[in-house]
Amino acid sequence: MTDHSPLFSLAPQTEPCPLCQQPLVIRSGKNGPFLGCSAYPKCQYIKALHQHENTIVKVLEQEPCPECTAPLAVKNGRYGMFIGCTNYPACHFIVHDEPESVNTVKCPKCKTGQLTERLSKYGKTFWGCDKYPDCKFLLNDTPVAGTCEHCAFPLLVQKKSGLYCAAKACQRKQSATIVAD
């Protein structure tokens, strides 16, 4: 008899289910192994097999936490390396990389925001307005201050083959003598 469900049992555990007292079994899913109740689907209790703990790689003694003055540390966590407070869980301070604006290029849509470099969840670089979610302007290519010589759009983008108009309706290549505004 074959189990055709995407979750299958690997081995019974001695720990009982806290909801129905049935034995827990190791199951496998799309995110890897986990503990699940053997009475599934009647009981849908699950528990992570491995807790994702942060491990300290190096303590930075000369760098105090700005919130609690404890030393900061380079840590390895669930999502990779980061710098955080050694006083965790009492202090939750984490150093975040602030996106830098690219040559302070103004957003052509809202005209008040600046275009900043960001990373998508897939690791690709894009540029978006820092007034998001009020302004949802974004580009996949590097913005360059300047005006399109064909449609007068106030922004250009740098591509491998040269400068182009950032307006979706135009997107024409610019001559090499474009001077930024």
N, C-alpha and C. Protein backbone atom coordinates (compact mmCIF):
# COMPACT_ATOMS: atom_id res chain seq x y z
N MET A 1 0.85 -1.17 0.00
CA MET A 1 0.00 0.00 0.00
C MET A 1 0.89 1.24 0.00
N THR A 2 0.66 2.14 -0.92
CA THR A 2 1.49 3.33 -1.09
C THR A 2 0.72 4.57 -0.65
N ASP A 3 1.41 5.44 0.08
CA ASP A 3 0.80 6.70 0.49
C ASP A 3 1.11 7.73 -0.58
N HIS A 4 0.08 8.25 -1.27
CA HIS A 4 0.27 9.20 -2.35
C HIS A 4 0.18 10.64 -1.89
N SER A 5 0.06 10.87 -0.58
CA SER A 5 -0.01 12.25 -0.10
C SER A 5 1.38 12.87 -0.13
N PRO A 6 1.46 14.23 -0.25
CA PRO A 6 2.77 14.87 -0.29
C PRO A 6 3.51 14.77 1.04
N LEU A 7 2.80 14.48 2.10
CA LEU A 7 3.43 14.32 3.40
C LEU A 7 3.47 12.84 3.73
N PHE A 8 4.62 12.34 4.11
CA PHE A 8 4.68 10.94 4.46
C PHE A 8 5.44 10.78 5.76
N SER A 9 5.12 9.72 6.48
CA SER A 9 5.69 9.47 7.79
C SER A 9 7.02 8.74 7.64
N LEU A 10 8.03 9.20 8.40
CA LEU A 10 9.34 8.56 8.33
C LEU A 10 9.61 7.65 9.53
N ALA A 11 9.31 8.12 10.74
CA ALA A 11 9.59 7.33 11.94
C ALA A 11 8.76 7.84 13.10
N PRO A 12 8.24 6.95 13.95
CA PRO A 12 7.47 7.41 15.10
C PRO A 12 8.40 8.00 16.17
N GLN A 13 7.88 8.96 16.93
CA GLN A 13 8.61 9.59 18.01
C GLN A 13 7.99 9.18 19.34
N THR A 14 8.71 9.35 20.43
CA THR A 14 8.18 9.00 21.75
C THR A 14 7.35 10.12 22.34
N GLU A 15 7.46 11.31 21.80
CA GLU A 15 6.73 12.47 22.31
C GLU A 15 5.27 12.41 21.84
N PRO A 16 4.29 12.57 22.75
CA PRO A 16 2.88 12.56 22.32
C PRO A 16 2.46 13.93 21.81
N CYS A 17 1.43 13.95 20.99
CA CYS A 17 0.86 15.18 20.48
C CYS A 17 0.22 15.94 21.65
N PRO A 18 0.51 17.23 21.82
CA PRO A 18 -0.08 17.98 22.93
C PRO A 18 -1.57 18.23 22.78
N LEU A 19 -2.12 18.04 21.58
CA LEU A 19 -3.55 18.27 21.36
C LEU A 19 -4.40 17.02 21.56
N CYS A 20 -3.93 15.86 21.04
CA CYS A 20 -4.75 14.65 21.08
C CYS A 20 -4.05 13.45 21.72
N GLN A 21 -2.82 13.60 22.16
CA GLN A 21 -2.02 12.56 22.83
C GLN A 21 -1.64 11.38 21.94
N GLN A 22 -1.83 11.48 20.63
CA GLN A 22 -1.38 10.45 19.70
C GLN A 22 0.13 10.63 19.51
N PRO A 23 0.86 9.60 19.07
CA PRO A 23 2.30 9.77 18.88
C PRO A 23 2.61 10.73 17.73
N LEU A 24 3.70 11.47 17.89
CA LEU A 24 4.17 12.34 16.82
C LEU A 24 5.10 11.54 15.91
N VAL A 25 5.07 11.87 14.61
CA VAL A 25 5.93 11.20 13.65
C VAL A 25 6.68 12.26 12.84
N ILE A 26 7.84 11.89 12.34
CA ILE A 26 8.59 12.79 11.47
C ILE A 26 7.96 12.71 10.09
N ARG A 27 7.61 13.87 9.56
CA ARG A 27 7.00 13.94 8.24
C ARG A 27 7.88 14.82 7.36
N SER A 28 7.69 14.70 6.07
CA SER A 28 8.46 15.50 5.13
C SER A 28 7.51 16.32 4.29
N GLY A 29 7.83 17.59 4.14
CA GLY A 29 7.02 18.48 3.33
C GLY A 29 7.90 19.28 2.39
N LYS A 30 7.33 20.28 1.72
CA LYS A 30 8.09 21.05 0.75
C LYS A 30 9.20 21.86 1.39
N ASN A 31 9.09 22.17 2.69
CA ASN A 31 10.14 22.91 3.39
C ASN A 31 11.04 22.01 4.23
N GLY A 32 10.99 20.72 4.01
CA GLY A 32 11.85 19.80 4.74
C GLY A 32 11.09 19.03 5.82
N PRO A 33 11.82 18.29 6.66
CA PRO A 33 11.18 17.45 7.67
C PRO A 33 10.62 18.27 8.83
N PHE A 34 9.56 17.73 9.46
CA PHE A 34 8.92 18.34 10.62
C PHE A 34 8.22 17.25 11.42
N LEU A 35 7.84 17.57 12.64
CA LEU A 35 7.06 16.63 13.46
C LEU A 35 5.58 16.91 13.26
N GLY A 36 4.80 15.85 13.03
CA GLY A 36 3.37 16.00 12.85
C GLY A 36 2.63 14.90 13.58
N CYS A 37 1.38 15.14 13.87
CA CYS A 37 0.56 14.18 14.60
C CYS A 37 0.25 12.98 13.71
N SER A 38 0.30 11.78 14.31
CA SER A 38 0.00 10.56 13.55
C SER A 38 -1.49 10.44 13.26
N ALA A 39 -2.32 11.24 13.91
CA ALA A 39 -3.76 11.21 13.68
C ALA A 39 -4.20 12.16 12.56
N TYR A 40 -3.24 12.67 11.80
CA TYR A 40 -3.56 13.55 10.67
C TYR A 40 -4.45 12.82 9.70
N PRO A 41 -5.52 13.37 9.17
CA PRO A 41 -5.97 14.76 9.12
C PRO A 41 -6.91 15.16 10.26
N LYS A 42 -7.29 14.24 11.15
CA LYS A 42 -8.16 14.62 12.27
C LYS A 42 -7.49 15.68 13.15
N CYS A 43 -6.21 15.47 13.44
CA CYS A 43 -5.44 16.42 14.23
C CYS A 43 -4.34 16.98 13.34
N GLN A 44 -4.25 18.30 13.23
CA GLN A 44 -3.29 18.91 12.31
C GLN A 44 -2.13 19.58 13.04
N TYR A 45 -1.75 19.07 14.20
CA TYR A 45 -0.65 19.63 14.97
C TYR A 45 0.67 19.38 14.26
N ILE A 46 1.49 20.43 14.14
CA ILE A 46 2.84 20.30 13.59
C ILE A 46 3.81 21.07 14.46
N LYS A 47 5.07 20.66 14.43
CA LYS A 47 6.12 21.30 15.20
C LYS A 47 7.40 21.25 14.37
N ALA A 48 8.15 22.35 14.39
CA ALA A 48 9.41 22.39 13.65
C ALA A 48 10.36 21.35 14.22
N LEU A 49 11.04 20.62 13.36
CA LEU A 49 11.98 19.61 13.79
C LEU A 49 13.26 20.25 14.32
N HIS A 50 13.70 21.31 13.65
CA HIS A 50 14.91 22.02 14.06
C HIS A 50 14.53 23.46 14.35
N GLN A 51 14.85 23.94 15.51
CA GLN A 51 14.63 25.33 15.84
C GLN A 51 15.71 26.16 15.16
N HIS A 52 15.32 27.26 14.57
CA HIS A 52 16.28 28.13 13.89
C HIS A 52 16.83 29.11 14.92
N GLU A 53 17.98 28.80 15.46
CA GLU A 53 18.59 29.64 16.47
C GLU A 53 19.71 30.45 15.84
N ASN A 54 19.96 31.61 16.45
CA ASN A 54 21.06 32.44 16.00
C ASN A 54 22.33 32.00 16.71
N THR A 55 23.40 31.86 15.97
CA THR A 55 24.68 31.52 16.57
C THR A 55 25.61 32.71 16.42
N ILE A 56 26.32 33.03 17.49
CA ILE A 56 27.25 34.16 17.47
C ILE A 56 28.54 33.72 16.80
N VAL A 57 28.94 34.44 15.76
CA VAL A 57 30.16 34.15 15.04
C VAL A 57 31.32 34.91 15.68
N LYS A 58 31.12 36.21 15.97
CA LYS A 58 32.17 37.02 16.57
C LYS A 58 31.54 38.17 17.34
N VAL A 59 31.99 38.38 18.58
CA VAL A 59 31.52 39.50 19.38
C VAL A 59 32.36 40.73 19.04
N LEU A 60 31.69 41.85 18.78
CA LEU A 60 32.35 43.10 18.46
C LEU A 60 32.42 43.95 19.73
N GLU A 61 33.45 43.75 20.54
CA GLU A 61 33.57 44.38 21.86
C GLU A 61 33.57 45.90 21.80
N GLN A 62 34.14 46.50 20.75
CA GLN A 62 34.24 47.96 20.65
C GLN A 62 32.97 48.61 20.11
N GLU A 63 32.00 47.82 19.72
CA GLU A 63 30.76 48.37 19.15
C GLU A 63 29.60 48.17 20.12
N PRO A 64 29.20 49.20 20.88
CA PRO A 64 28.08 49.04 21.81
C PRO A 64 26.74 49.15 21.09
N CYS A 65 25.75 48.46 21.61
CA CYS A 65 24.39 48.53 21.09
C CYS A 65 23.83 49.93 21.39
N PRO A 66 23.24 50.62 20.41
CA PRO A 66 22.70 51.95 20.67
C PRO A 66 21.47 51.95 21.57
N GLU A 67 20.85 50.78 21.77
CA GLU A 67 19.66 50.72 22.62
C GLU A 67 19.97 50.34 24.06
N CYS A 68 20.92 49.39 24.28
CA CYS A 68 21.16 48.91 25.65
C CYS A 68 22.63 48.94 26.05
N THR A 69 23.53 49.38 25.20
CA THR A 69 24.98 49.48 25.40
C THR A 69 25.71 48.15 25.56
N ALA A 70 25.05 47.02 25.40
CA ALA A 70 25.74 45.72 25.39
C ALA A 70 26.52 45.63 24.08
N PRO A 71 27.58 44.82 24.01
CA PRO A 71 28.33 44.73 22.75
C PRO A 71 27.50 44.09 21.63
N LEU A 72 27.78 44.52 20.40
CA LEU A 72 27.14 43.93 19.23
C LEU A 72 27.93 42.70 18.82
N ALA A 73 27.31 41.84 18.00
CA ALA A 73 27.97 40.62 17.55
C ALA A 73 27.55 40.30 16.12
N VAL A 74 28.46 39.68 15.39
CA VAL A 74 28.13 39.13 14.08
C VAL A 74 27.48 37.78 14.35
N LYS A 75 26.26 37.59 13.84
CA LYS A 75 25.50 36.37 14.09
C LYS A 75 25.12 35.70 12.79
N ASN A 76 24.91 34.39 12.86
CA ASN A 76 24.43 33.62 11.73
C ASN A 76 23.05 33.11 12.10
N GLY A 77 22.02 33.54 11.36
CA GLY A 77 20.65 33.17 11.68
C GLY A 77 19.98 32.45 10.54
N ARG A 78 18.69 32.34 10.64
CA ARG A 78 17.88 31.62 9.66
C ARG A 78 18.03 32.18 8.25
N TYR A 79 18.20 33.51 8.15
CA TYR A 79 18.27 34.15 6.84
C TYR A 79 19.68 34.62 6.49
N GLY A 80 20.69 34.10 7.18
CA GLY A 80 22.07 34.46 6.86
C GLY A 80 22.72 35.29 7.94
N MET A 81 23.84 35.91 7.57
CA MET A 81 24.64 36.69 8.52
C MET A 81 24.00 38.05 8.77
N PHE A 82 24.13 38.53 10.02
CA PHE A 82 23.65 39.86 10.39
C PHE A 82 24.38 40.31 11.64
N ILE A 83 24.25 41.59 11.97
CA ILE A 83 24.84 42.14 13.19
C ILE A 83 23.70 42.49 14.13
N GLY A 84 23.77 41.96 15.36
CA GLY A 84 22.73 42.19 16.35
C GLY A 84 23.29 42.28 17.75
N CYS A 85 22.44 42.62 18.68
CA CYS A 85 22.83 42.80 20.07
C CYS A 85 23.07 41.44 20.74
N THR A 86 24.11 41.39 21.61
CA THR A 86 24.39 40.16 22.36
C THR A 86 23.41 39.97 23.50
N ASN A 87 22.63 41.00 23.82
CA ASN A 87 21.67 40.95 24.92
C ASN A 87 20.30 40.43 24.47
N TYR A 88 20.24 39.75 23.32
CA TYR A 88 18.99 39.15 22.84
C TYR A 88 18.61 38.02 23.77
N PRO A 89 17.37 37.81 24.17
CA PRO A 89 16.11 38.39 23.72
C PRO A 89 15.67 39.64 24.48
N ALA A 90 16.44 40.10 25.46
CA ALA A 90 16.04 41.32 26.18
C ALA A 90 16.10 42.54 25.26
N CYS A 91 17.06 42.56 24.32
CA CYS A 91 17.20 43.67 23.37
C CYS A 91 17.12 43.08 21.97
N HIS A 92 16.30 43.67 21.12
CA HIS A 92 16.07 43.16 19.76
C HIS A 92 16.76 43.99 18.69
N PHE A 93 17.79 44.76 19.04
CA PHE A 93 18.45 45.63 18.07
C PHE A 93 19.19 44.82 17.01
N ILE A 94 18.98 45.20 15.73
CA ILE A 94 19.66 44.60 14.59
C ILE A 94 20.09 45.74 13.68
N VAL A 95 21.32 45.67 13.17
CA VAL A 95 21.81 46.68 12.23
C VAL A 95 21.19 46.38 10.87
N HIS A 96 20.51 47.38 10.30
CA HIS A 96 19.90 47.24 8.98
C HIS A 96 20.66 48.09 7.99
N ASP A 97 20.88 47.56 6.80
CA ASP A 97 21.50 48.34 5.73
C ASP A 97 20.46 49.29 5.19
N GLU A 98 20.77 50.58 5.25
CA GLU A 98 19.86 51.59 4.70
C GLU A 98 20.12 51.73 3.21
N PRO A 99 19.05 51.68 2.39
CA PRO A 99 19.28 51.88 0.96
C PRO A 99 19.76 53.30 0.69
N GLU A 100 20.75 53.43 -0.17
CA GLU A 100 21.29 54.74 -0.50
C GLU A 100 20.64 55.24 -1.79
N SER A 101 20.40 56.55 -1.84
CA SER A 101 19.82 57.11 -3.05
C SER A 101 20.89 57.17 -4.13
N VAL A 102 20.47 56.99 -5.36
CA VAL A 102 21.40 56.98 -6.49
C VAL A 102 21.50 58.40 -7.01
N ASN A 103 22.60 59.10 -6.66
CA ASN A 103 22.85 60.46 -7.12
C ASN A 103 21.65 61.38 -6.89
N THR A 104 20.88 61.13 -5.87
CA THR A 104 19.68 61.90 -5.53
C THR A 104 18.82 62.19 -6.76
N VAL A 105 18.44 61.15 -7.47
CA VAL A 105 17.57 61.27 -8.62
C VAL A 105 16.14 61.37 -8.12
N LYS A 106 15.47 62.46 -8.51
CA LYS A 106 14.08 62.66 -8.08
C LYS A 106 13.15 61.71 -8.82
N CYS A 107 12.10 61.31 -8.11
CA CYS A 107 11.09 60.45 -8.72
C CYS A 107 10.30 61.25 -9.75
N PRO A 108 10.20 60.80 -11.00
CA PRO A 108 9.46 61.56 -12.02
C PRO A 108 7.94 61.46 -11.86
N LYS A 109 7.47 60.53 -11.07
CA LYS A 109 6.03 60.35 -10.91
C LYS A 109 5.46 61.30 -9.85
N CYS A 110 6.00 61.22 -8.61
CA CYS A 110 5.46 62.06 -7.53
C CYS A 110 6.21 63.38 -7.39
N LYS A 111 7.40 63.48 -7.93
CA LYS A 111 8.25 64.67 -7.92
C LYS A 111 8.68 65.13 -6.52
N THR A 112 8.41 64.33 -5.48
CA THR A 112 8.85 64.68 -4.12
C THR A 112 9.81 63.64 -3.57
N GLY A 113 9.71 62.41 -4.01
CA GLY A 113 10.55 61.33 -3.50
C GLY A 113 11.86 61.22 -4.25
N GLN A 114 12.74 60.37 -3.71
CA GLN A 114 14.03 60.07 -4.34
C GLN A 114 14.02 58.60 -4.73
N LEU A 115 14.71 58.27 -5.82
CA LEU A 115 14.83 56.87 -6.23
C LEU A 115 15.96 56.22 -5.44
N THR A 116 15.65 55.08 -4.79
CA THR A 116 16.63 54.38 -3.98
C THR A 116 16.81 52.96 -4.51
N GLU A 117 18.03 52.46 -4.34
CA GLU A 117 18.36 51.11 -4.80
C GLU A 117 17.85 50.12 -3.77
N ARG A 118 17.18 49.07 -4.23
CA ARG A 118 16.62 48.05 -3.35
C ARG A 118 16.87 46.67 -3.93
N LEU A 119 16.62 45.65 -3.10
CA LEU A 119 16.76 44.26 -3.55
C LEU A 119 15.40 43.58 -3.48
N SER A 120 15.06 42.84 -4.52
CA SER A 120 13.82 42.07 -4.51
C SER A 120 14.01 40.83 -3.65
N LYS A 121 12.95 40.12 -3.38
CA LYS A 121 13.07 38.90 -2.57
C LYS A 121 13.86 37.82 -3.29
N TYR A 122 14.10 37.99 -4.59
CA TYR A 122 14.89 37.04 -5.36
C TYR A 122 16.34 37.49 -5.51
N GLY A 123 16.72 38.63 -4.88
CA GLY A 123 18.08 39.11 -4.92
C GLY A 123 18.42 40.01 -6.09
N LYS A 124 17.43 40.39 -6.90
CA LYS A 124 17.69 41.28 -8.03
C LYS A 124 17.58 42.74 -7.56
N THR A 125 18.42 43.59 -8.14
CA THR A 125 18.42 45.00 -7.81
C THR A 125 17.38 45.73 -8.64
N PHE A 126 16.65 46.66 -7.98
CA PHE A 126 15.73 47.55 -8.68
C PHE A 126 15.76 48.89 -7.98
N TRP A 127 15.19 49.91 -8.60
CA TRP A 127 15.15 51.25 -8.01
C TRP A 127 13.70 51.65 -7.89
N GLY A 128 13.34 52.12 -6.68
CA GLY A 128 11.97 52.53 -6.42
C GLY A 128 11.93 53.84 -5.65
N CYS A 129 10.79 54.47 -5.68
CA CYS A 129 10.59 55.74 -4.97
C CYS A 129 10.59 55.49 -3.47
N ASP A 130 11.26 56.37 -2.71
CA ASP A 130 11.30 56.21 -1.25
C ASP A 130 10.00 56.64 -0.58
N LYS A 131 9.02 57.10 -1.35
CA LYS A 131 7.70 57.46 -0.81
C LYS A 131 6.72 56.29 -0.92
N TYR A 132 7.24 55.10 -1.25
CA TYR A 132 6.38 53.90 -1.31
C TYR A 132 5.75 53.69 0.06
N PRO A 133 4.49 53.34 0.20
CA PRO A 133 3.52 52.89 -0.81
C PRO A 133 2.69 53.99 -1.45
N ASP A 134 2.93 55.27 -1.06
CA ASP A 134 2.17 56.36 -1.69
C ASP A 134 2.51 56.51 -3.16
N CYS A 135 3.79 56.31 -3.51
CA CYS A 135 4.23 56.35 -4.91
C CYS A 135 4.84 55.00 -5.24
N LYS A 136 4.36 54.35 -6.28
CA LYS A 136 4.82 53.01 -6.63
C LYS A 136 5.68 52.98 -7.88
N PHE A 137 6.38 54.09 -8.18
CA PHE A 137 7.27 54.14 -9.34
C PHE A 137 8.48 53.27 -9.10
N LEU A 138 8.86 52.45 -10.09
CA LEU A 138 10.07 51.63 -9.98
C LEU A 138 10.69 51.39 -11.34
N LEU A 139 12.00 51.09 -11.29
CA LEU A 139 12.78 50.80 -12.49
C LEU A 139 13.65 49.58 -12.25
N ASN A 140 13.93 48.83 -13.30
CA ASN A 140 14.84 47.71 -13.20
C ASN A 140 16.26 48.08 -13.62
N ASP A 141 16.42 49.22 -14.30
CA ASP A 141 17.72 49.68 -14.75
C ASP A 141 18.15 50.90 -13.93
N THR A 142 19.44 51.20 -13.92
CA THR A 142 19.98 52.30 -13.13
C THR A 142 19.47 53.64 -13.63
N PRO A 143 18.83 54.46 -12.76
CA PRO A 143 18.34 55.76 -13.19
C PRO A 143 19.48 56.77 -13.34
N VAL A 144 19.33 57.67 -14.29
CA VAL A 144 20.31 58.72 -14.54
C VAL A 144 19.52 60.02 -14.69
N ALA A 145 19.94 61.07 -13.98
CA ALA A 145 19.29 62.36 -14.11
C ALA A 145 19.51 62.89 -15.52
N GLY A 146 18.45 63.35 -16.14
CA GLY A 146 18.53 63.87 -17.50
C GLY A 146 17.15 63.92 -18.11
N THR A 147 17.04 64.54 -19.27
CA THR A 147 15.75 64.69 -19.96
C THR A 147 15.83 64.00 -21.31
N CYS A 148 14.78 63.28 -21.65
CA CYS A 148 14.73 62.59 -22.93
C CYS A 148 14.69 63.61 -24.07
N GLU A 149 15.53 63.40 -25.08
CA GLU A 149 15.57 64.31 -26.22
C GLU A 149 14.40 64.10 -27.19
N HIS A 150 13.62 63.04 -26.97
CA HIS A 150 12.50 62.76 -27.88
C HIS A 150 11.15 63.16 -27.28
N CYS A 151 10.94 62.88 -25.98
CA CYS A 151 9.63 63.15 -25.37
C CYS A 151 9.71 64.08 -24.17
N ALA A 152 10.90 64.50 -23.76
CA ALA A 152 11.14 65.42 -22.63
C ALA A 152 10.79 64.81 -21.28
N PHE A 153 10.78 63.47 -21.17
CA PHE A 153 10.56 62.83 -19.87
C PHE A 153 11.77 63.14 -18.99
N PRO A 154 11.55 63.47 -17.71
CA PRO A 154 12.66 63.97 -16.87
C PRO A 154 13.56 62.90 -16.27
N LEU A 155 13.66 61.71 -16.87
CA LEU A 155 14.51 60.67 -16.32
C LEU A 155 14.99 59.74 -17.43
N LEU A 156 16.26 59.32 -17.32
CA LEU A 156 16.84 58.37 -18.24
C LEU A 156 17.30 57.15 -17.46
N VAL A 157 17.53 56.03 -18.16
CA VAL A 157 18.06 54.83 -17.52
C VAL A 157 19.30 54.37 -18.28
N GLN A 158 20.26 53.85 -17.50
CA GLN A 158 21.49 53.33 -18.09
C GLN A 158 21.34 51.85 -18.33
N LYS A 159 21.47 51.43 -19.59
CA LYS A 159 21.46 50.02 -19.95
C LYS A 159 22.83 49.68 -20.52
N LYS A 160 23.07 48.42 -20.81
CA LYS A 160 24.37 47.98 -21.33
C LYS A 160 24.73 48.69 -22.63
N SER A 161 23.73 48.96 -23.45
CA SER A 161 24.01 49.54 -24.77
C SER A 161 23.86 51.06 -24.80
N GLY A 162 23.69 51.72 -23.65
CA GLY A 162 23.62 53.18 -23.65
C GLY A 162 22.51 53.72 -22.77
N LEU A 163 22.24 55.02 -22.94
CA LEU A 163 21.17 55.70 -22.19
C LEU A 163 19.86 55.62 -22.95
N TYR A 164 18.79 55.38 -22.21
CA TYR A 164 17.46 55.28 -22.80
C TYR A 164 16.48 56.11 -22.00
N CYS A 165 15.39 56.48 -22.61
CA CYS A 165 14.32 57.19 -21.91
C CYS A 165 13.65 56.23 -20.93
N ALA A 166 13.33 56.72 -19.71
CA ALA A 166 12.71 55.87 -18.69
C ALA A 166 11.19 55.78 -18.86
N ALA A 167 10.61 56.59 -19.73
CA ALA A 167 9.16 56.55 -19.94
C ALA A 167 8.80 55.27 -20.70
N LYS A 168 7.82 54.53 -20.18
CA LYS A 168 7.43 53.28 -20.82
C LYS A 168 6.89 53.49 -22.23
N ALA A 169 6.28 54.64 -22.49
CA ALA A 169 5.73 54.92 -23.81
C ALA A 169 6.81 55.27 -24.83
N CYS A 170 7.98 55.73 -24.38
CA CYS A 170 9.05 56.16 -25.29
C CYS A 170 10.17 55.12 -25.36
N GLN A 171 10.95 54.97 -24.34
CA GLN A 171 12.06 54.02 -24.23
C GLN A 171 13.06 54.11 -25.39
N ARG A 172 13.24 55.31 -25.96
CA ARG A 172 14.15 55.46 -27.09
C ARG A 172 15.56 55.74 -26.63
N LYS A 173 16.53 55.28 -27.42
CA LYS A 173 17.95 55.49 -27.12
C LYS A 173 18.30 56.96 -27.30
N GLN A 174 19.13 57.46 -26.39
CA GLN A 174 19.54 58.86 -26.41
C GLN A 174 20.89 58.98 -27.10
N SER A 175 21.17 60.16 -27.65
CA SER A 175 22.49 60.38 -28.24
C SER A 175 23.50 60.50 -27.11
N ALA A 176 24.77 60.37 -27.42
CA ALA A 176 25.82 60.37 -26.41
C ALA A 176 26.07 61.75 -25.82
N THR A 177 25.46 62.82 -26.33
CA THR A 177 25.72 64.17 -25.84
C THR A 177 24.66 64.67 -24.87
N ILE A 178 23.98 63.77 -24.16
CA ILE A 178 22.96 64.19 -23.20
C ILE A 178 23.65 64.81 -21.99
N VAL A 179 23.17 65.97 -21.59
CA VAL A 179 23.70 66.64 -20.40
C VAL A 179 22.62 66.59 -19.33
N ALA A 180 23.00 66.16 -18.11
CA ALA A 180 22.03 66.06 -17.01
C ALA A 180 21.53 67.44 -16.63
N ASP A 181 20.28 67.50 -16.18
CA ASP A 181 19.68 68.76 -15.74
C ASP A 181 20.24 69.19 -14.40
